[in-house]
Amino acid sequence: MALGADEIADIAQELGSFDDVSQAYAALRQRYPNLSWIRCDSSDLTEIPFCSIGPFDLHLLDGADHCARITHDPMRATGIVLARRAAEL
């Protein structure tokens, strides 16, 4: 599934209403069941996020080939990695 601008905007809007990664993850998985979803801490990733919304970094996951990888191309996205950034002191 390719992610269109409307889906990305909807995901960003939905993320803006959450601070808790577990709640955001559950809500987005329910809303977009055809996407693969992974959640983690932002320190677990070295790639630059596709975008950042509130306390979250959003990475696009390309699982179309043999191995899954992070992509910046929404047309290749088959999933989302939702990474929570640590609170800044």
N, C-alpha and C. Protein backbone atom coordinates (compact mmCIF):
# COMPACT_ATOMS: atom_id res chain seq x y z
N MET A 1 0.84 -1.18 0.00
CA MET A 1 0.00 0.00 0.00
C MET A 1 0.87 1.23 0.00
N ALA A 2 0.62 2.11 -0.91
CA ALA A 2 1.30 3.40 -0.93
C ALA A 2 0.55 4.35 0.01
N LEU A 3 1.30 5.20 0.67
CA LEU A 3 0.69 6.19 1.55
C LEU A 3 0.51 7.49 0.77
N GLY A 4 -0.70 7.97 0.71
CA GLY A 4 -0.97 9.24 0.06
C GLY A 4 -0.86 10.39 1.04
N ALA A 5 -0.89 11.58 0.50
CA ALA A 5 -0.80 12.78 1.33
C ALA A 5 -1.94 12.85 2.34
N ASP A 6 -3.13 12.39 1.95
CA ASP A 6 -4.28 12.42 2.86
C ASP A 6 -4.05 11.50 4.06
N GLU A 7 -3.52 10.30 3.80
CA GLU A 7 -3.27 9.36 4.91
C GLU A 7 -2.18 9.89 5.83
N ILE A 8 -1.14 10.45 5.26
CA ILE A 8 -0.06 11.00 6.08
C ILE A 8 -0.57 12.15 6.93
N ALA A 9 -1.40 13.02 6.35
CA ALA A 9 -1.98 14.14 7.10
C ALA A 9 -2.89 13.63 8.21
N ASP A 10 -3.66 12.58 7.92
CA ASP A 10 -4.55 12.00 8.92
C ASP A 10 -3.76 11.37 10.06
N ILE A 11 -2.71 10.65 9.73
CA ILE A 11 -1.85 10.04 10.75
C ILE A 11 -1.22 11.13 11.61
N ALA A 12 -0.74 12.19 10.98
CA ALA A 12 -0.12 13.31 11.72
C ALA A 12 -1.13 13.96 12.65
N GLN A 13 -2.34 14.16 12.16
CA GLN A 13 -3.38 14.77 13.00
C GLN A 13 -3.72 13.86 14.18
N GLU A 14 -3.85 12.58 13.91
CA GLU A 14 -4.15 11.61 14.98
C GLU A 14 -3.02 11.60 16.02
N LEU A 15 -1.78 11.61 15.57
CA LEU A 15 -0.64 11.59 16.49
C LEU A 15 -0.61 12.84 17.36
N GLY A 16 -1.06 13.95 16.83
CA GLY A 16 -1.06 15.20 17.57
C GLY A 16 -1.95 15.17 18.81
N SER A 17 -2.83 14.19 18.87
CA SER A 17 -3.74 14.11 20.01
C SER A 17 -3.25 13.15 21.10
N PHE A 18 -2.07 12.59 20.94
CA PHE A 18 -1.54 11.62 21.90
C PHE A 18 -0.16 12.03 22.40
N ASP A 19 0.12 11.71 23.66
CA ASP A 19 1.46 11.81 24.22
C ASP A 19 2.01 10.42 24.49
N ASP A 20 1.11 9.48 24.69
CA ASP A 20 1.48 8.12 25.06
C ASP A 20 1.61 7.26 23.80
N VAL A 21 2.77 6.65 23.61
CA VAL A 21 3.01 5.85 22.41
C VAL A 21 2.10 4.64 22.34
N SER A 22 1.77 4.02 23.45
CA SER A 22 0.89 2.85 23.44
C SER A 22 -0.50 3.20 22.95
N GLN A 23 -1.04 4.31 23.41
CA GLN A 23 -2.36 4.74 22.97
C GLN A 23 -2.35 5.13 21.49
N ALA A 24 -1.35 5.86 21.07
CA ALA A 24 -1.24 6.26 19.66
C ALA A 24 -1.10 5.03 18.77
N TYR A 25 -0.27 4.12 19.17
CA TYR A 25 -0.03 2.89 18.42
C TYR A 25 -1.32 2.09 18.25
N ALA A 26 -2.05 1.91 19.33
CA ALA A 26 -3.30 1.14 19.29
C ALA A 26 -4.34 1.83 18.40
N ALA A 27 -4.48 3.12 18.53
CA ALA A 27 -5.47 3.86 17.74
C ALA A 27 -5.13 3.81 16.25
N LEU A 28 -3.86 3.99 15.92
CA LEU A 28 -3.46 4.00 14.51
C LEU A 28 -3.51 2.61 13.89
N ARG A 29 -3.17 1.59 14.64
CA ARG A 29 -3.29 0.21 14.13
C ARG A 29 -4.74 -0.12 13.81
N GLN A 30 -5.63 0.35 14.66
CA GLN A 30 -7.06 0.10 14.43
C GLN A 30 -7.55 0.88 13.21
N ARG A 31 -7.08 2.10 13.06
CA ARG A 31 -7.53 2.95 11.95
C ARG A 31 -6.95 2.52 10.61
N TYR A 32 -5.71 2.00 10.63
CA TYR A 32 -5.02 1.57 9.42
C TYR A 32 -4.55 0.12 9.56
N PRO A 33 -5.47 -0.83 9.54
CA PRO A 33 -5.09 -2.23 9.76
C PRO A 33 -4.31 -2.84 8.58
N ASN A 34 -4.34 -2.20 7.44
CA ASN A 34 -3.62 -2.73 6.28
C ASN A 34 -2.14 -2.33 6.27
N LEU A 35 -1.72 -1.49 7.20
CA LEU A 35 -0.31 -1.13 7.33
C LEU A 35 0.34 -1.95 8.44
N SER A 36 1.61 -2.25 8.27
CA SER A 36 2.40 -2.85 9.35
C SER A 36 2.80 -1.73 10.30
N TRP A 37 2.71 -1.99 11.59
CA TRP A 37 3.05 -0.98 12.60
C TRP A 37 4.10 -1.54 13.54
N ILE A 38 5.10 -0.72 13.81
CA ILE A 38 6.15 -1.05 14.78
C ILE A 38 6.29 0.17 15.68
N ARG A 39 6.44 -0.07 16.97
CA ARG A 39 6.70 1.04 17.88
C ARG A 39 8.02 0.80 18.60
N CYS A 40 8.71 1.89 18.88
CA CYS A 40 10.00 1.79 19.56
C CYS A 40 10.36 3.15 20.12
N ASP A 41 11.48 3.20 20.77
CA ASP A 41 12.06 4.44 21.25
C ASP A 41 12.88 5.04 20.11
N SER A 42 12.89 6.34 19.98
CA SER A 42 13.63 6.96 18.88
C SER A 42 15.13 6.67 18.95
N SER A 43 15.65 6.37 20.13
CA SER A 43 17.07 6.06 20.25
C SER A 43 17.41 4.70 19.63
N ASP A 44 16.39 3.90 19.30
CA ASP A 44 16.62 2.61 18.67
C ASP A 44 16.88 2.73 17.17
N LEU A 45 16.67 3.91 16.61
CA LEU A 45 16.84 4.12 15.17
C LEU A 45 17.93 5.13 14.89
N THR A 46 18.65 4.90 13.81
CA THR A 46 19.69 5.85 13.40
C THR A 46 19.26 6.66 12.18
N GLU A 47 18.19 6.22 11.51
CA GLU A 47 17.72 6.90 10.31
C GLU A 47 17.01 8.21 10.67
N ILE A 48 17.07 9.14 9.75
CA ILE A 48 16.35 10.40 9.90
C ILE A 48 14.87 10.12 9.68
N PRO A 49 14.00 10.60 10.57
CA PRO A 49 12.57 10.32 10.42
C PRO A 49 11.98 10.99 9.18
N PHE A 50 10.92 10.40 8.67
CA PHE A 50 10.17 10.99 7.57
C PHE A 50 9.58 12.32 8.02
N CYS A 51 9.05 12.33 9.24
CA CYS A 51 8.56 13.57 9.85
C CYS A 51 8.48 13.37 11.36
N SER A 52 8.34 14.48 12.06
CA SER A 52 8.19 14.46 13.51
C SER A 52 6.91 15.19 13.86
N ILE A 53 6.13 14.58 14.74
CA ILE A 53 4.87 15.14 15.19
C ILE A 53 4.84 15.07 16.70
N GLY A 54 4.81 16.21 17.35
CA GLY A 54 4.83 16.22 18.81
C GLY A 54 6.01 15.43 19.31
N PRO A 55 5.80 14.49 20.22
CA PRO A 55 6.90 13.70 20.77
C PRO A 55 7.26 12.47 19.94
N PHE A 56 6.69 12.35 18.75
CA PHE A 56 6.88 11.16 17.93
C PHE A 56 7.68 11.44 16.67
N ASP A 57 8.52 10.48 16.30
CA ASP A 57 9.15 10.46 14.98
C ASP A 57 8.44 9.39 14.17
N LEU A 58 8.13 9.72 12.94
CA LEU A 58 7.43 8.80 12.05
C LEU A 58 8.41 8.36 10.96
N HIS A 59 8.64 7.06 10.89
CA HIS A 59 9.49 6.47 9.85
C HIS A 59 8.61 5.62 8.96
N LEU A 60 8.86 5.65 7.67
CA LEU A 60 8.11 4.83 6.73
C LEU A 60 8.84 3.52 6.53
N LEU A 61 8.09 2.44 6.53
CA LEU A 61 8.66 1.10 6.41
C LEU A 61 8.32 0.54 5.03
N ASP A 62 9.34 0.09 4.32
CA ASP A 62 9.17 -0.55 3.01
C ASP A 62 9.43 -2.04 3.20
N GLY A 63 8.38 -2.82 3.13
CA GLY A 63 8.51 -4.26 3.30
C GLY A 63 8.20 -5.01 2.02
N ALA A 64 8.24 -4.32 0.88
CA ALA A 64 7.87 -4.94 -0.39
C ALA A 64 8.91 -5.93 -0.90
N ASP A 65 10.16 -5.69 -0.60
CA ASP A 65 11.22 -6.59 -1.05
C ASP A 65 11.49 -7.65 0.02
N HIS A 66 12.52 -8.42 -0.18
CA HIS A 66 12.85 -9.52 0.73
C HIS A 66 13.05 -9.05 2.17
N CYS A 67 13.74 -7.92 2.35
CA CYS A 67 14.02 -7.40 3.68
C CYS A 67 13.32 -6.06 3.88
N ALA A 68 12.77 -5.86 5.07
CA ALA A 68 12.15 -4.58 5.40
C ALA A 68 13.24 -3.53 5.60
N ARG A 69 12.92 -2.29 5.21
CA ARG A 69 13.87 -1.19 5.39
C ARG A 69 13.10 0.11 5.54
N ILE A 70 13.77 1.10 6.07
CA ILE A 70 13.20 2.44 6.21
C ILE A 70 13.31 3.13 4.85
N THR A 71 12.24 3.84 4.48
CA THR A 71 12.23 4.59 3.23
C THR A 71 11.68 5.99 3.50
N HIS A 72 11.97 6.90 2.61
CA HIS A 72 11.37 8.24 2.67
C HIS A 72 10.37 8.42 1.54
N ASP A 73 10.09 7.35 0.82
CA ASP A 73 9.17 7.38 -0.31
C ASP A 73 7.81 6.83 0.10
N PRO A 74 6.81 7.70 0.28
CA PRO A 74 5.49 7.22 0.68
C PRO A 74 4.88 6.22 -0.31
N MET A 75 5.28 6.26 -1.56
CA MET A 75 4.76 5.33 -2.55
C MET A 75 5.26 3.90 -2.32
N ARG A 76 6.35 3.74 -1.58
CA ARG A 76 6.89 2.41 -1.27
C ARG A 76 6.52 1.94 0.14
N ALA A 77 5.87 2.79 0.90
CA ALA A 77 5.58 2.48 2.31
C ALA A 77 4.53 1.39 2.44
N THR A 78 4.87 0.38 3.20
CA THR A 78 3.93 -0.69 3.53
C THR A 78 3.64 -0.71 5.03
N GLY A 79 4.31 0.18 5.75
CA GLY A 79 4.13 0.25 7.19
C GLY A 79 4.73 1.50 7.78
N ILE A 80 4.56 1.62 9.08
CA ILE A 80 5.01 2.78 9.84
C ILE A 80 5.80 2.30 11.06
N VAL A 81 6.91 2.98 11.32
CA VAL A 81 7.62 2.79 12.58
C VAL A 81 7.34 4.06 13.40
N LEU A 82 6.69 3.88 14.51
CA LEU A 82 6.33 4.98 15.40
C LEU A 82 7.33 5.01 16.54
N ALA A 83 8.16 6.03 16.55
CA ALA A 83 9.24 6.13 17.54
C ALA A 83 8.96 7.31 18.49
N ARG A 84 8.98 7.04 19.77
CA ARG A 84 8.74 8.06 20.78
C ARG A 84 10.07 8.66 21.20
N ARG A 85 10.16 10.01 21.09
CA ARG A 85 11.36 10.70 21.55
C ARG A 85 11.30 10.89 23.06
N ALA A 86 12.44 10.86 23.70
CA ALA A 86 12.52 11.09 25.14
C ALA A 86 12.13 12.53 25.44
N ALA A 87 11.50 12.74 26.56
CA ALA A 87 11.13 14.09 26.97
C ALA A 87 12.37 14.91 27.18
N GLU A 88 12.35 16.13 26.67
CA GLU A 88 13.50 17.02 26.83
C GLU A 88 13.41 17.67 28.21
N LEU A 89 14.54 17.76 28.84
CA LEU A 89 14.59 18.35 30.18
C LEU A 89 14.83 19.83 30.09
